[in-house]
Amino acid sequence: MSRAVLGERLPGYVVQALLAALVAWLVWAAIANFRANMHALGVSAGFGFLQAQAGFQIAQSLVPFGPASSYLDAVIAAALNTLLVVVLASVLATIIALLVAFGRLAPHGIVRGASTVYVEVFRNIPLLLQILFWYFSAIALLPGVGDSLQFGGVLLNNRGLFLPFGADRPHVEGFDVAGGVAILPELMALTLGLAIYNSTFLAEIFRAGILSVPRGQIEAATTVGLSGARAALLIVMPQALRVALPAAGGQYQTLAKASSLAAAIGYPDIMQIVGGTIASQTSQALEAMALVVVLYAAINLCIALVAGIANRRLLARPQA
């Protein structure tokens, strides 16, 4: 490197070195202060508390869990609950979004107008407000256990949605429902809120992808005898997803992060259990919140990975 170039770049190198040293000092000071505070409080640092007995119950758990279970079991149960609501809300949001996207492009004015109103209304209402509405208003209107609505083997009341599980069918016993699999009102409200809100953004993303497909291909599909639905499924959607999937993947990540609002209605997700109950019981808030950060980051990285793989497969397919 010549002296002229070195003289030109040296001030920048010095500034970067000073900035790196400042950041390193701040990190070291923060760690030292944290250790001092933990020592003063008599609290040990680390993740050893995960093996201790939790001593609390979780209202909904996809794995066996009880007061005798460990904090690690509670973390796993909370993570699975979060994954459950993310998957359910994503699937429902995708179905609604596709219907609304095609509705906004429909030739019928009523369908097009209703789809436009849906998008404009629900995307401009705060997500937390929508979740609270579904939880405190809509679900509260459902009948009590004694007057449960029955649809075949399915029961619906203000305590949740009860689905049959093999030969185990839900049925009312006194003031409670026995048998079947229960879907809590908190899960229903959170799923509806996340799905409806995010479907408005996904609908616009899918609509942009549909508009990117040349009109001539749709007309060609019609001339060879494909119906509107089959043309949309076989011709339009594969090409539209090439354009829409990258942006849609980002919206699914937004949905996953927004699921942390579950704490507002008491749904036992990562934020409620790990960032709330475990952090308060163990007094190791830093470790608990670190787990929260890692878990949400892992979920979003998985979504990005799946979207990336799907996008590469779509790009590898020959266009129609």
C-alpha atoms as a PDB file:
ATOM      1  CA  MET A   1       0.000   0.000   0.000  1.00  0.00           C
ATOM      2  CA  SER A   2       1.472   3.350  -1.025  1.00  0.00           C
ATOM      3  CA  ARG A   3       2.014   6.142   1.468  1.00  0.00           C
ATOM      4  CA  ALA A   4      -0.620   8.272  -0.239  1.00  0.00           C
ATOM      5  CA  VAL A   5      -3.258   5.562   0.036  1.00  0.00           C
ATOM      6  CA  LEU A   6      -2.228   4.777   3.630  1.00  0.00           C
ATOM      7  CA  GLY A   7      -2.396   8.443   4.548  1.00  0.00           C
ATOM      8  CA  GLU A   8      -5.856   8.678   3.039  1.00  0.00           C
ATOM      9  CA  ARG A   9      -7.229   5.588   4.792  1.00  0.00           C
ATOM     10  CA  LEU A  10      -5.413   5.839   8.122  1.00  0.00           C
ATOM     11  CA  PRO A  11      -7.938   8.222   9.781  1.00  0.00           C
ATOM     12  CA  GLY A  12     -10.747   5.806   8.919  1.00  0.00           C
ATOM     13  CA  TYR A  13      -8.809   2.869  10.360  1.00  0.00           C
ATOM     14  CA  VAL A  14      -8.124   4.805  13.555  1.00  0.00           C
ATOM     15  CA  VAL A  15     -11.789   5.734  13.968  1.00  0.00           C
ATOM     16  CA  GLN A  16     -12.866   2.114  13.409  1.00  0.00           C
ATOM     17  CA  ALA A  17     -10.307   0.855  15.933  1.00  0.00           C
ATOM     18  CA  LEU A  18     -11.464   3.376  18.529  1.00  0.00           C
ATOM     19  CA  LEU A  19     -15.101   2.461  17.916  1.00  0.00           C
ATOM     20  CA  ALA A  20     -14.340  -1.261  18.277  1.00  0.00           C
ATOM     21  CA  ALA A  21     -12.450  -0.590  21.522  1.00  0.00           C
ATOM     22  CA  LEU A  22     -15.375   1.469  22.851  1.00  0.00           C
ATOM     23  CA  VAL A  23     -17.881  -1.272  22.056  1.00  0.00           C
ATOM     24  CA  ALA A  24     -15.635  -3.914  23.676  1.00  0.00           C
ATOM     25  CA  TRP A  25     -15.311  -1.780  26.817  1.00  0.00           C
ATOM     26  CA  LEU A  26     -19.074  -1.260  27.027  1.00  0.00           C
ATOM     27  CA  VAL A  27     -19.691  -5.011  26.699  1.00  0.00           C
ATOM     28  CA  TRP A  28     -17.076  -5.788  29.362  1.00  0.00           C
ATOM     29  CA  ALA A  29     -18.519  -3.142  31.707  1.00  0.00           C
ATOM     30  CA  ALA A  30     -22.049  -4.481  31.217  1.00  0.00           C
ATOM     31  CA  ILE A  31     -20.954  -8.044  31.987  1.00  0.00           C
ATOM     32  CA  ALA A  32     -19.009  -6.947  35.050  1.00  0.00           C
ATOM     33  CA  ASN A  33     -21.953  -4.898  36.322  1.00  0.00           C
ATOM     34  CA  PHE A  34     -24.315  -7.826  35.740  1.00  0.00           C
ATOM     35  CA  ARG A  35     -22.079 -10.197  37.699  1.00  0.00           C
ATOM     36  CA  ALA A  36     -21.770  -7.704  40.532  1.00  0.00           C
ATOM     37  CA  ASN A  37     -25.535  -7.276  40.753  1.00  0.00           C
ATOM     38  CA  MET A  38     -26.111 -11.041  40.689  1.00  0.00           C
ATOM     39  CA  HIS A  39     -23.554 -11.516  43.466  1.00  0.00           C
ATOM     40  CA  ALA A  40     -25.184  -8.787  45.564  1.00  0.00           C
ATOM     41  CA  LEU A  41     -28.606 -10.393  45.144  1.00  0.00           C
ATOM     42  CA  GLY A  42     -27.260 -13.853  45.860  1.00  0.00           C
ATOM     43  CA  VAL A  43     -28.499 -15.154  42.492  1.00  0.00           C
ATOM     44  CA  SER A  44     -26.350 -17.484  40.405  1.00  0.00           C
ATOM     45  CA  ALA A  45     -25.985 -16.797  36.707  1.00  0.00           C
ATOM     46  CA  GLY A  46     -26.286 -19.408  33.972  1.00  0.00           C
ATOM     47  CA  PHE A  47     -28.894 -21.811  32.695  1.00  0.00           C
ATOM     48  CA  GLY A  48     -28.685 -24.412  35.426  1.00  0.00           C
ATOM     49  CA  PHE A  49     -32.153 -23.394  36.606  1.00  0.00           C
ATOM     50  CA  LEU A  50     -33.638 -25.155  33.565  1.00  0.00           C
ATOM     51  CA  GLN A  51     -33.265 -28.495  35.355  1.00  0.00           C
ATOM     52  CA  ALA A  52     -35.171 -27.320  38.452  1.00  0.00           C
ATOM     53  CA  GLN A  53     -38.817 -28.174  39.081  1.00  0.00           C
ATOM     54  CA  ALA A  54     -41.178 -25.640  37.541  1.00  0.00           C
ATOM     55  CA  GLY A  55     -43.977 -25.921  40.090  1.00  0.00           C
ATOM     56  CA  PHE A  56     -46.703 -24.479  37.862  1.00  0.00           C
ATOM     57  CA  GLN A  57     -49.226 -25.731  35.329  1.00  0.00           C
ATOM     58  CA  ILE A  58     -49.671 -24.684  31.688  1.00  0.00           C
ATOM     59  CA  ALA A  59     -53.238 -24.379  30.454  1.00  0.00           C
ATOM     60  CA  GLN A  60     -52.389 -25.895  27.055  1.00  0.00           C
ATOM     61  CA  SER A  61     -49.445 -28.139  26.284  1.00  0.00           C
ATOM     62  CA  LEU A  62     -48.761 -30.370  23.299  1.00  0.00           C
ATOM     63  CA  VAL A  63     -46.403 -32.468  25.431  1.00  0.00           C
ATOM     64  CA  PRO A  64     -46.999 -33.921  28.897  1.00  0.00           C
ATOM     65  CA  PHE A  65     -46.431 -31.185  31.476  1.00  0.00           C
ATOM     66  CA  GLY A  66     -47.246 -30.722  35.143  1.00  0.00           C
ATOM     67  CA  PRO A  67     -45.992 -28.928  38.257  1.00  0.00           C
ATOM     68  CA  ALA A  68     -43.327 -31.609  38.718  1.00  0.00           C
ATOM     69  CA  SER A  69     -41.891 -30.943  35.235  1.00  0.00           C
ATOM     70  CA  SER A  70     -38.702 -28.931  34.790  1.00  0.00           C
ATOM     71  CA  TYR A  71     -38.299 -25.401  33.496  1.00  0.00           C
ATOM     72  CA  LEU A  72     -36.786 -26.900  30.345  1.00  0.00           C
ATOM     73  CA  ASP A  73     -40.016 -28.806  29.775  1.00  0.00           C
ATOM     74  CA  ALA A  74     -41.892 -25.524  30.196  1.00  0.00           C
ATOM     75  CA  VAL A  75     -39.679 -23.882  27.565  1.00  0.00           C
ATOM     76  CA  ILE A  76     -40.371 -26.751  25.147  1.00  0.00           C
ATOM     77  CA  ALA A  77     -44.127 -26.606  25.799  1.00  0.00           C
ATOM     78  CA  ALA A  78     -44.188 -22.824  25.280  1.00  0.00           C
ATOM     79  CA  ALA A  79     -42.164 -23.096  22.054  1.00  0.00           C
ATOM     80  CA  LEU A  80     -44.544 -25.747  20.687  1.00  0.00           C
ATOM     81  CA  ASN A  81     -47.546 -23.575  21.595  1.00  0.00           C
ATOM     82  CA  THR A  82     -45.992 -20.696  19.679  1.00  0.00           C
ATOM     83  CA  LEU A  83     -45.280 -22.914  16.683  1.00  0.00           C
ATOM     84  CA  LEU A  84     -48.873 -24.163  16.783  1.00  0.00           C
ATOM     85  CA  VAL A  85     -50.408 -20.699  16.604  1.00  0.00           C
ATOM     86  CA  VAL A  86     -47.906 -19.577  13.940  1.00  0.00           C
ATOM     87  CA  VAL A  87     -48.728 -22.569  11.717  1.00  0.00           C
ATOM     88  CA  LEU A  88     -52.507 -22.292  12.197  1.00  0.00           C
ATOM     89  CA  ALA A  89     -52.533 -18.524  11.622  1.00  0.00           C
ATOM     90  CA  SER A  90     -50.235 -18.804   8.585  1.00  0.00           C
ATOM     91  CA  VAL A  91     -52.408 -21.434   6.914  1.00  0.00           C
ATOM     92  CA  LEU A  92     -55.631 -19.537   7.609  1.00  0.00           C
ATOM     93  CA  ALA A  93     -54.074 -16.227   6.529  1.00  0.00           C
ATOM     94  CA  THR A  94     -52.866 -17.788   3.263  1.00  0.00           C
ATOM     95  CA  ILE A  95     -56.310 -19.190   2.417  1.00  0.00           C
ATOM     96  CA  ILE A  96     -58.025 -15.873   3.165  1.00  0.00           C
ATOM     97  CA  ALA A  97     -55.353 -13.904   1.304  1.00  0.00           C
ATOM     98  CA  LEU A  98     -55.685 -15.971  -1.877  1.00  0.00           C
ATOM     99  CA  LEU A  99     -59.465 -15.609  -1.859  1.00  0.00           C
ATOM    100  CA  VAL A 100     -59.221 -11.852  -1.286  1.00  0.00           C
ATOM    101  CA  ALA A 101     -56.469 -11.429  -3.896  1.00  0.00           C
ATOM    102  CA  PHE A 102     -58.539 -13.108  -6.598  1.00  0.00           C
ATOM    103  CA  GLY A 103     -61.604 -11.270  -5.282  1.00  0.00           C
ATOM    104  CA  ARG A 104     -59.915  -7.908  -5.827  1.00  0.00           C
ATOM    105  CA  LEU A 105     -59.286  -8.919  -9.441  1.00  0.00           C
ATOM    106  CA  ALA A 106     -62.764 -10.375 -10.031  1.00  0.00           C
ATOM    107  CA  PRO A 107     -64.881  -8.883 -12.833  1.00  0.00           C
ATOM    108  CA  HIS A 108     -67.898  -8.626 -10.521  1.00  0.00           C
ATOM    109  CA  GLY A 109     -68.057  -5.231  -8.831  1.00  0.00           C
ATOM    110  CA  ILE A 110     -69.618  -6.506  -5.595  1.00  0.00           C
ATOM    111  CA  VAL A 111     -66.933  -9.144  -5.040  1.00  0.00           C
ATOM    112  CA  ARG A 112     -64.181  -6.703  -5.948  1.00  0.00           C
ATOM    113  CA  GLY A 113     -65.610  -4.007  -3.683  1.00  0.00           C
ATOM    114  CA  ALA A 114     -66.084  -6.372  -0.726  1.00  0.00           C
ATOM    115  CA  SER A 115     -62.501  -7.611  -1.063  1.00  0.00           C
ATOM    116  CA  THR A 116     -61.187  -4.055  -1.193  1.00  0.00           C
ATOM    117  CA  VAL A 117     -63.168  -3.071   1.905  1.00  0.00           C
ATOM    118  CA  TYR A 118     -61.826  -6.123   3.744  1.00  0.00           C
ATOM    119  CA  VAL A 119     -58.232  -5.142   3.007  1.00  0.00           C
ATOM    120  CA  GLU A 120     -58.623  -1.460   3.783  1.00  0.00           C
ATOM    121  CA  VAL A 121     -60.503  -2.021   7.044  1.00  0.00           C
ATOM    122  CA  PHE A 122     -58.570  -4.827   8.705  1.00  0.00           C
ATOM    123  CA  ARG A 123     -55.070  -3.683   7.782  1.00  0.00           C
ATOM    124  CA  ASN A 124     -55.712  -0.282   9.359  1.00  0.00           C
ATOM    125  CA  ILE A 125     -56.924  -1.625  12.724  1.00  0.00           C
ATOM    126  CA  PRO A 126     -54.076  -2.338  15.186  1.00  0.00           C
ATOM    127  CA  LEU A 127     -53.369  -6.033  15.561  1.00  0.00           C
ATOM    128  CA  LEU A 128     -53.552  -5.981  19.358  1.00  0.00           C
ATOM    129  CA  LEU A 129     -56.983  -4.376  19.176  1.00  0.00           C
ATOM    130  CA  GLN A 130     -58.194  -7.097  16.804  1.00  0.00           C
ATOM    131  CA  ILE A 131     -56.907  -9.859  19.103  1.00  0.00           C
ATOM    132  CA  LEU A 132     -58.614  -8.252  22.107  1.00  0.00           C
ATOM    133  CA  PHE A 133     -61.834  -7.886  20.125  1.00  0.00           C
ATOM    134  CA  TRP A 134     -61.950 -11.559  19.201  1.00  0.00           C
ATOM    135  CA  TYR A 135     -61.112 -12.580  22.745  1.00  0.00           C
ATOM    136  CA  PHE A 136     -63.335 -10.288  24.808  1.00  0.00           C
ATOM    137  CA  SER A 137     -66.192  -9.664  22.384  1.00  0.00           C
ATOM    138  CA  ALA A 138     -66.726 -12.329  19.756  1.00  0.00           C
ATOM    139  CA  ILE A 139     -65.798 -15.403  21.795  1.00  0.00           C
ATOM    140  CA  ALA A 140     -67.655 -14.055  24.834  1.00  0.00           C
ATOM    141  CA  LEU A 141     -70.871 -14.291  22.766  1.00  0.00           C
ATOM    142  CA  LEU A 142     -70.547 -18.065  22.484  1.00  0.00           C
ATOM    143  CA  PRO A 143     -72.902 -20.149  24.633  1.00  0.00           C
ATOM    144  CA  GLY A 144     -71.931 -21.767  27.926  1.00  0.00           C
ATOM    145  CA  VAL A 145     -71.033 -25.414  28.387  1.00  0.00           C
ATOM    146  CA  GLY A 146     -74.641 -26.483  28.959  1.00  0.00           C
ATOM    147  CA  ASP A 147     -75.756 -24.911  25.683  1.00  0.00           C
ATOM    148  CA  SER A 148     -72.749 -25.979  23.596  1.00  0.00           C
ATOM    149  CA  LEU A 149     -73.119 -25.829  19.838  1.00  0.00           C
ATOM    150  CA  GLN A 150     -72.605 -29.279  18.320  1.00  0.00           C
ATOM    151  CA  PHE A 151     -71.459 -29.961  14.760  1.00  0.00           C
ATOM    152  CA  GLY A 152     -71.205 -33.714  14.404  1.00  0.00           C
ATOM    153  CA  GLY A 153     -68.488 -34.697  16.859  1.00  0.00           C
ATOM    154  CA  VAL A 154     -67.345 -31.094  17.422  1.00  0.00           C
ATOM    155  CA  LEU A 155     -68.451 -28.962  20.373  1.00  0.00           C
ATOM    156  CA  LEU A 156     -68.155 -25.181  20.527  1.00  0.00           C
ATOM    157  CA  ASN A 157     -68.730 -23.036  23.626  1.00  0.00           C
ATOM    158  CA  ASN A 158     -67.159 -20.148  25.531  1.00  0.00           C
ATOM    159  CA  ARG A 159     -64.505 -22.495  26.910  1.00  0.00           C
ATOM    160  CA  GLY A 160     -63.159 -23.352  23.498  1.00  0.00           C
ATOM    161  CA  LEU A 161     -63.495 -25.636  20.501  1.00  0.00           C
ATOM    162  CA  PHE A 162     -63.492 -29.357  21.304  1.00  0.00           C
ATOM    163  CA  LEU A 163     -62.521 -31.782  18.529  1.00  0.00           C
ATOM    164  CA  PRO A 164     -62.850 -35.601  18.489  1.00  0.00           C
ATOM    165  CA  PHE A 165     -59.601 -37.531  18.844  1.00  0.00           C
ATOM    166  CA  GLY A 166     -60.025 -40.958  17.340  1.00  0.00           C
ATOM    167  CA  ALA A 167     -62.784 -42.748  19.261  1.00  0.00           C
ATOM    168  CA  ASP A 168     -62.569 -40.182  22.061  1.00  0.00           C
ATOM    169  CA  ARG A 169     -65.413 -37.774  21.288  1.00  0.00           C
ATOM    170  CA  PRO A 170     -66.029 -34.635  23.366  1.00  0.00           C
ATOM    171  CA  HIS A 171     -69.181 -34.576  25.452  1.00  0.00           C
ATOM    172  CA  VAL A 172     -70.666 -32.461  28.224  1.00  0.00           C
ATOM    173  CA  GLU A 173     -70.317 -33.842  31.739  1.00  0.00           C
ATOM    174  CA  GLY A 174     -71.942 -31.587  34.299  1.00  0.00           C
ATOM    175  CA  PHE A 175     -70.336 -28.164  34.061  1.00  0.00           C
ATOM    176  CA  ASP A 176     -67.381 -29.276  31.982  1.00  0.00           C
ATOM    177  CA  VAL A 177     -66.524 -30.964  28.689  1.00  0.00           C
ATOM    178  CA  ALA A 178     -64.812 -34.349  28.786  1.00  0.00           C
ATOM    179  CA  GLY A 179     -62.972 -36.132  26.010  1.00  0.00           C
ATOM    180  CA  GLY A 180     -61.630 -34.902  22.714  1.00  0.00           C
ATOM    181  CA  VAL A 181     -58.989 -32.270  22.115  1.00  0.00           C
ATOM    182  CA  ALA A 182     -59.626 -28.760  23.425  1.00  0.00           C
ATOM    183  CA  ILE A 183     -58.635 -25.619  21.534  1.00  0.00           C
ATOM    184  CA  LEU A 184     -58.584 -22.785  24.054  1.00  0.00           C
ATOM    185  CA  PRO A 185     -60.443 -19.509  23.437  1.00  0.00           C
ATOM    186  CA  GLU A 186     -57.069 -17.760  23.707  1.00  0.00           C
ATOM    187  CA  LEU A 187     -55.736 -19.848  20.832  1.00  0.00           C
ATOM    188  CA  MET A 188     -58.823 -19.197  18.704  1.00  0.00           C
ATOM    189  CA  ALA A 189     -58.727 -15.440  19.327  1.00  0.00           C
ATOM    190  CA  LEU A 190     -54.992 -15.197  18.671  1.00  0.00           C
ATOM    191  CA  THR A 191     -55.224 -17.281  15.496  1.00  0.00           C
ATOM    192  CA  LEU A 192     -58.123 -15.230  14.146  1.00  0.00           C
ATOM    193  CA  GLY A 193     -56.443 -11.918  14.964  1.00  0.00           C
ATOM    194  CA  LEU A 194     -53.109 -12.871  13.414  1.00  0.00           C
ATOM    195  CA  ALA A 195     -54.698 -14.504  10.364  1.00  0.00           C
ATOM    196  CA  ILE A 196     -57.127 -11.702   9.521  1.00  0.00           C
ATOM    197  CA  TYR A 197     -54.600  -8.903  10.024  1.00  0.00           C
ATOM    198  CA  ASN A 198     -51.749 -10.535   8.096  1.00  0.00           C
ATOM    199  CA  SER A 199     -54.043 -11.822   5.348  1.00  0.00           C
ATOM    200  CA  THR A 200     -54.628  -8.235   4.235  1.00  0.00           C
ATOM    201  CA  PHE A 201     -50.928  -7.741   3.521  1.00  0.00           C
ATOM    202  CA  LEU A 202     -50.548 -11.198   1.998  1.00  0.00           C
ATOM    203  CA  ALA A 203     -53.544 -10.503  -0.256  1.00  0.00           C
ATOM    204  CA  GLU A 204     -51.800  -7.460  -1.721  1.00  0.00           C
ATOM    205  CA  ILE A 205     -48.583  -9.438  -2.161  1.00  0.00           C
ATOM    206  CA  PHE A 206     -50.423 -12.254  -3.953  1.00  0.00           C
ATOM    207  CA  ARG A 207     -52.397  -9.749  -6.050  1.00  0.00           C
ATOM    208  CA  ALA A 208     -49.154  -8.175  -7.245  1.00  0.00           C
ATOM    209  CA  GLY A 209     -47.868 -11.620  -8.168  1.00  0.00           C
ATOM    210  CA  ILE A 210     -51.059 -12.445 -10.071  1.00  0.00           C
ATOM    211  CA  LEU A 211     -50.892  -9.165 -11.985  1.00  0.00           C
ATOM    212  CA  SER A 212     -47.331 -10.029 -13.048  1.00  0.00           C
ATOM    213  CA  VAL A 213     -48.610 -13.020 -15.064  1.00  0.00           C
ATOM    214  CA  PRO A 214     -49.164 -12.009 -18.707  1.00  0.00           C
ATOM    215  CA  ARG A 215     -52.836 -11.815 -19.589  1.00  0.00           C
ATOM    216  CA  GLY A 216     -52.224 -13.824 -22.738  1.00  0.00           C
ATOM    217  CA  GLN A 217     -51.388 -16.951 -20.753  1.00  0.00           C
ATOM    218  CA  ILE A 218     -54.715 -16.807 -18.928  1.00  0.00           C
ATOM    219  CA  GLU A 219     -56.543 -16.400 -22.243  1.00  0.00           C
ATOM    220  CA  ALA A 220     -54.574 -19.291 -23.725  1.00  0.00           C
ATOM    221  CA  ALA A 221     -55.564 -21.502 -20.789  1.00  0.00           C
ATOM    222  CA  THR A 222     -59.200 -20.638 -21.430  1.00  0.00           C
ATOM    223  CA  THR A 223     -58.961 -21.506 -25.106  1.00  0.00           C
ATOM    224  CA  VAL A 224     -57.658 -25.018 -24.350  1.00  0.00           C
ATOM    225  CA  GLY A 225     -60.635 -25.721 -22.111  1.00  0.00           C
ATOM    226  CA  LEU A 226     -59.295 -24.976 -18.630  1.00  0.00           C
ATOM    227  CA  SER A 227     -61.882 -23.538 -16.271  1.00  0.00           C
ATOM    228  CA  GLY A 228     -61.187 -20.381 -14.305  1.00  0.00           C
ATOM    229  CA  ALA A 229     -60.291 -22.279 -11.140  1.00  0.00           C
ATOM    230  CA  ARG A 230     -58.020 -24.775 -12.915  1.00  0.00           C
ATOM    231  CA  ALA A 231     -56.340 -22.002 -14.898  1.00  0.00           C
ATOM    232  CA  ALA A 232     -55.687 -20.090 -11.691  1.00  0.00           C
ATOM    233  CA  LEU A 233     -54.270 -23.196  -9.981  1.00  0.00           C
ATOM    234  CA  LEU A 234     -52.208 -24.610 -12.847  1.00  0.00           C
ATOM    235  CA  ILE A 235     -51.160 -21.525 -14.811  1.00  0.00           C
ATOM    236  CA  VAL A 236     -51.458 -18.374 -12.721  1.00  0.00           C
ATOM    237  CA  MET A 237     -50.399 -19.417  -9.210  1.00  0.00           C
ATOM    238  CA  PRO A 238     -47.055 -21.123 -10.058  1.00  0.00           C
ATOM    239  CA  GLN A 239     -45.913 -18.018 -11.912  1.00  0.00           C
ATOM    240  CA  ALA A 240     -47.404 -15.570  -9.420  1.00  0.00           C
ATOM    241  CA  LEU A 241     -45.614 -17.265  -6.532  1.00  0.00           C
ATOM    242  CA  ARG A 242     -42.261 -16.635  -8.219  1.00  0.00           C
ATOM    243  CA  VAL A 243     -42.862 -12.943  -7.654  1.00  0.00           C
ATOM    244  CA  ALA A 244     -44.862 -13.092  -4.423  1.00  0.00           C
ATOM    245  CA  LEU A 245     -42.992 -15.667  -2.338  1.00  0.00           C
ATOM    246  CA  PRO A 246     -39.994 -13.549  -1.221  1.00  0.00           C
ATOM    247  CA  ALA A 247     -42.249 -10.790   0.099  1.00  0.00           C
ATOM    248  CA  ALA A 248     -44.733 -13.315   1.495  1.00  0.00           C
ATOM    249  CA  GLY A 249     -41.931 -15.011   3.422  1.00  0.00           C
ATOM    250  CA  GLY A 250     -41.171 -11.728   5.135  1.00  0.00           C
ATOM    251  CA  GLN A 251     -44.843 -11.336   6.050  1.00  0.00           C
ATOM    252  CA  TYR A 252     -44.924 -14.807   7.589  1.00  0.00           C
ATOM    253  CA  GLN A 253     -41.931 -13.785   9.694  1.00  0.00           C
ATOM    254  CA  THR A 254     -43.824 -10.682  10.775  1.00  0.00           C
ATOM    255  CA  LEU A 255     -46.743 -12.904  11.774  1.00  0.00           C
ATOM    256  CA  ALA A 256     -44.440 -15.124  13.851  1.00  0.00           C
ATOM    257  CA  LYS A 257     -42.969 -12.141  15.692  1.00  0.00           C
ATOM    258  CA  ALA A 258     -46.411 -10.639  16.277  1.00  0.00           C
ATOM    259  CA  SER A 259     -47.519 -13.869  17.955  1.00  0.00           C
ATOM    260  CA  SER A 260     -45.733 -12.568  21.079  1.00  0.00           C
ATOM    261  CA  LEU A 261     -48.862 -10.435  21.623  1.00  0.00           C
ATOM    262  CA  ALA A 262     -50.361 -13.651  22.999  1.00  0.00           C
ATOM    263  CA  ALA A 263     -49.286 -12.493  26.443  1.00  0.00           C
ATOM    264  CA  ALA A 264     -52.025  -9.834  26.286  1.00  0.00           C
ATOM    265  CA  ILE A 265     -54.735 -12.500  26.491  1.00  0.00           C
ATOM    266  CA  GLY A 266     -52.867 -15.079  28.552  1.00  0.00           C
ATOM    267  CA  TYR A 267     -52.071 -17.617  25.852  1.00  0.00           C
ATOM    268  CA  PRO A 268     -49.121 -19.744  27.101  1.00  0.00           C
ATOM    269  CA  ASP A 269     -46.564 -18.963  24.407  1.00  0.00           C
ATOM    270  CA  ILE A 270     -42.827 -18.235  24.583  1.00  0.00           C
ATOM    271  CA  MET A 271     -43.270 -14.660  25.771  1.00  0.00           C
ATOM    272  CA  GLN A 272     -45.885 -15.519  28.384  1.00  0.00           C
ATOM    273  CA  ILE A 273     -44.163 -18.582  29.873  1.00  0.00           C
ATOM    274  CA  VAL A 274     -40.441 -17.976  29.342  1.00  0.00           C
ATOM    275  CA  GLY A 275     -40.304 -14.190  29.389  1.00  0.00           C
ATOM    276  CA  GLY A 276     -42.961 -13.901  32.092  1.00  0.00           C
ATOM    277  CA  THR A 277     -43.494 -16.831  34.452  1.00  0.00           C
ATOM    278  CA  ILE A 278     -40.002 -18.372  34.332  1.00  0.00           C
ATOM    279  CA  ALA A 279     -38.224 -15.010  34.483  1.00  0.00           C
ATOM    280  CA  SER A 280     -40.224 -13.918  37.540  1.00  0.00           C
ATOM    281  CA  GLN A 281     -39.959 -17.235  39.408  1.00  0.00           C
ATOM    282  CA  THR A 282     -36.223 -17.742  38.926  1.00  0.00           C
ATOM    283  CA  SER A 283     -35.151 -14.065  39.086  1.00  0.00           C
ATOM    284  CA  GLN A 284     -32.883 -14.811  36.126  1.00  0.00           C
ATOM    285  CA  ALA A 285     -34.505 -12.428  33.707  1.00  0.00           C
ATOM    286  CA  LEU A 286     -31.432 -12.015  31.496  1.00  0.00           C
ATOM    287  CA  GLU A 287     -31.144 -15.730  30.811  1.00  0.00           C
ATOM    288  CA  ALA A 288     -34.897 -16.060  30.307  1.00  0.00           C
ATOM    289  CA  MET A 289     -35.039 -13.177  27.861  1.00  0.00           C
ATOM    290  CA  ALA A 290     -31.991 -14.569  26.059  1.00  0.00           C
ATOM    291  CA  LEU A 291     -33.952 -17.784  25.564  1.00  0.00           C
ATOM    292  CA  VAL A 292     -36.898 -15.762  24.242  1.00  0.00           C
ATOM    293  CA  VAL A 293     -34.638 -14.017  21.733  1.00  0.00           C
ATOM    294  CA  VAL A 294     -33.029 -17.285  20.603  1.00  0.00           C
ATOM    295  CA  LEU A 295     -36.368 -19.082  20.217  1.00  0.00           C
ATOM    296  CA  TYR A 296     -38.017 -16.328  18.171  1.00  0.00           C
ATOM    297  CA  ALA A 297     -34.880 -15.959  16.046  1.00  0.00           C
ATOM    298  CA  ALA A 298     -34.846 -19.719  15.420  1.00  0.00           C
ATOM    299  CA  ILE A 299     -38.509 -19.710  14.364  1.00  0.00           C
ATOM    300  CA  ASN A 300     -37.985 -16.825  11.959  1.00  0.00           C
ATOM    301  CA  LEU A 301     -34.815 -18.352  10.525  1.00  0.00           C
ATOM    302  CA  CYS A 302     -36.749 -21.573   9.874  1.00  0.00           C
ATOM    303  CA  ILE A 303     -39.452 -19.594   8.068  1.00  0.00           C
ATOM    304  CA  ALA A 304     -36.795 -17.849   5.971  1.00  0.00           C
ATOM    305  CA  LEU A 305     -35.186 -21.224   5.182  1.00  0.00           C
ATOM    306  CA  VAL A 306     -38.470 -22.793   4.094  1.00  0.00           C
ATOM    307  CA  ALA A 307     -39.374 -19.754   1.977  1.00  0.00           C
ATOM    308  CA  GLY A 308     -35.918 -19.786   0.383  1.00  0.00           C
ATOM    309  CA  ILE A 309     -36.130 -23.490  -0.498  1.00  0.00           C
ATOM    310  CA  ALA A 310     -39.625 -23.079  -1.932  1.00  0.00           C
ATOM    311  CA  ASN A 311     -38.520 -20.056  -3.942  1.00  0.00           C
ATOM    312  CA  ARG A 312     -35.522 -21.882  -5.412  1.00  0.00           C
ATOM    313  CA  ARG A 313     -37.746 -24.810  -6.430  1.00  0.00           C
ATOM    314  CA  LEU A 314     -40.205 -22.465  -8.107  1.00  0.00           C
ATOM    315  CA  LEU A 315     -37.432 -20.701  -9.986  1.00  0.00           C
ATOM    316  CA  ALA A 316     -36.029 -24.069 -11.100  1.00  0.00           C
ATOM    317  CA  ARG A 317     -39.350 -25.069 -12.672  1.00  0.00           C
ATOM    318  CA  PRO A 318     -39.772 -24.171 -16.352  1.00  0.00           C
ATOM    319  CA  GLN A 319     -42.248 -21.377 -16.966  1.00  0.00           C
ATOM    320  CA  ALA A 320     -45.501 -22.111 -18.755  1.00  0.00           C
END
